[in-house]
Amino acid sequence: MTGTVNKDIAPEEIVRAGKGMKKRQREAFLEDLLAATSPEYLASILDARADYQARRAKSHEELFPTAPRIILHPQPIVKTLRKMVRTDRTRR
């Protein structure tokens, strides 16, 4: 993350700036802020990465092989449903 911040900034200004960000940008900013201000959080990330590399961690698929996959980007489904609704309305 780049940019400059006045060290005397009020929490309200940070909240206002966060509300003006796009969702992904805001999530990245909050994660960076948490990592920069919390040594415990940063250590937990490093521990998790080490566990993953040492194969001490399992994937979601390994833990729940029969669970349905979560749709992370439902936008194509929404578009399909809208087309279906439009088509159905024109048939009436």
Protein backbone atom coordinates (compact mmCIF):
# COMPACT_ATOMS: atom_id res chain seq x y z
CA MET A 1 0.00 0.00 0.00
CA THR A 2 1.40 3.39 -0.94
CA GLY A 3 0.63 6.91 0.15
CA THR A 4 1.28 9.18 3.07
CA VAL A 5 -0.66 9.57 6.26
CA ASN A 6 -0.60 12.42 8.74
CA LYS A 7 0.23 10.93 12.14
CA ASP A 8 -2.33 13.23 13.77
CA ILE A 9 -5.22 11.81 11.76
CA ALA A 10 -8.49 11.28 13.60
CA PRO A 11 -10.12 7.83 13.64
CA GLU A 12 -13.20 9.36 12.00
CA GLU A 13 -11.08 10.37 9.01
CA ILE A 14 -9.81 6.80 8.63
CA VAL A 15 -13.39 5.51 8.76
CA ARG A 16 -14.51 8.07 6.17
CA ALA A 17 -11.59 7.14 3.89
CA GLY A 18 -12.39 3.44 4.28
CA LYS A 19 -16.02 3.97 3.35
CA GLY A 20 -14.88 5.68 0.15
CA MET A 21 -12.79 2.68 -0.95
CA LYS A 22 -13.90 -0.17 -3.14
CA LYS A 23 -14.49 -3.41 -1.24
CA ARG A 24 -11.26 -5.18 -2.27
CA GLN A 25 -9.19 -2.05 -1.68
CA ARG A 26 -10.77 -1.62 1.77
CA GLU A 27 -10.15 -5.26 2.69
CA ALA A 28 -6.50 -5.01 1.61
CA PHE A 29 -6.09 -1.78 3.58
CA LEU A 30 -7.60 -3.29 6.74
CA GLU A 31 -5.42 -6.38 6.47
CA ASP A 32 -2.32 -4.22 5.96
CA LEU A 33 -3.31 -2.04 8.91
CA LEU A 34 -3.85 -5.05 11.14
CA ALA A 35 -0.54 -6.61 10.08
CA ALA A 36 1.33 -3.34 10.64
CA THR A 37 -0.14 -2.74 14.09
CA SER A 38 -0.40 -6.26 15.48
CA PRO A 39 2.77 -8.35 15.84
CA GLU A 40 0.58 -11.27 16.98
CA TYR A 41 -1.45 -11.16 13.78
CA LEU A 42 1.67 -11.03 11.64
CA ALA A 43 3.20 -13.93 13.60
CA SER A 44 0.02 -15.98 13.10
CA ILE A 45 0.24 -15.45 9.33
CA LEU A 46 3.87 -16.55 9.31
CA ASP A 47 3.01 -19.60 11.45
CA ALA A 48 0.14 -20.54 9.13
CA ARG A 49 2.36 -20.24 6.06
CA ALA A 50 5.01 -22.43 7.71
CA ASP A 51 2.36 -25.02 8.64
CA TYR A 52 1.06 -25.03 5.08
CA GLN A 53 4.53 -25.44 3.58
CA ALA A 54 5.35 -28.24 6.05
CA ARG A 55 2.05 -29.94 5.13
CA ARG A 56 0.74 -29.62 8.70
CA ALA A 57 -2.39 -27.94 7.37
CA LYS A 58 -5.17 -29.45 5.26
CA SER A 59 -7.24 -27.86 2.54
CA HIS A 60 -10.99 -27.39 2.77
CA GLU A 61 -11.42 -30.14 0.17
CA GLU A 62 -9.33 -32.56 2.26
CA LEU A 63 -11.34 -31.85 5.40
CA PHE A 64 -14.75 -31.80 3.73
CA PRO A 65 -14.54 -33.94 0.57
CA THR A 66 -18.31 -34.22 0.12
CA ALA A 67 -19.20 -30.62 0.91
CA PRO A 68 -20.54 -28.51 -1.94
CA ARG A 69 -18.18 -25.85 -3.21
CA ILE A 70 -18.95 -22.28 -2.26
CA ILE A 71 -19.64 -19.92 -5.14
CA LEU A 72 -17.29 -17.00 -4.66
CA HIS A 73 -18.38 -15.00 -7.68
CA PRO A 74 -22.14 -15.41 -8.21
CA GLN A 75 -22.33 -12.68 -10.85
CA PRO A 76 -22.67 -15.08 -13.84
CA ILE A 77 -25.55 -16.82 -12.06
CA VAL A 78 -27.26 -13.49 -11.43
CA LYS A 79 -26.97 -12.61 -15.12
CA THR A 80 -28.42 -15.99 -16.11
CA LEU A 81 -31.33 -15.60 -13.70
CA ARG A 82 -32.07 -12.10 -15.02
CA LYS A 83 -32.14 -13.46 -18.58
CA MET A 84 -34.50 -16.21 -17.49
CA VAL A 85 -36.84 -13.72 -15.82
CA ARG A 86 -36.82 -11.46 -18.89
CA THR A 87 -37.55 -14.40 -21.16
CA ASP A 88 -40.37 -15.57 -18.92
CA ARG A 89 -41.94 -12.10 -18.88
CA THR A 90 -41.90 -11.84 -22.67
CA ARG A 91 -43.75 -15.16 -22.99
CA ARG A 92 -46.73 -13.88 -21.02
